């Protein structure tokens, strides 16, 4: 069984969890670029995504207890075609964890990062959910 360190293939789908409480996704208006914004402390090496190869969409949507999330779906090859790299960064118990290193805590306010956030929102193939987190 693979451990998640294998290269992310161009035909792989990636999931980005989007909290419903932020209103970064609304079915009537679509996905906002803020859904891809790096957190000032939690994304030092890049924003997180989950690889569909290893992670069911409902598992990718799992977050804080009692909260509800959407999942934005992207294709790795579409990102690479636009110059956005996808790095496998498996975590203990989560072989599907990957990151987009071009969007990180250090550059979160740069014009290029804001441009990439807009691009990612446009590259999203679709959004699924909402999925509640219940344990």
Foldseek 3Di string as FASTA:
>chain_A
DDQLQDAQDQQWKKKQKAFVVVPCADPVPAHHLCSQFADLPPFAQADKIFTVVQDPLLRRHADDAFTWIKIFMAGQNVCVVVPFHKGGDADVVGSGIIGGRVHGNVCRPPPVNSVVSRVVRVRGPDMDDGHHHHD
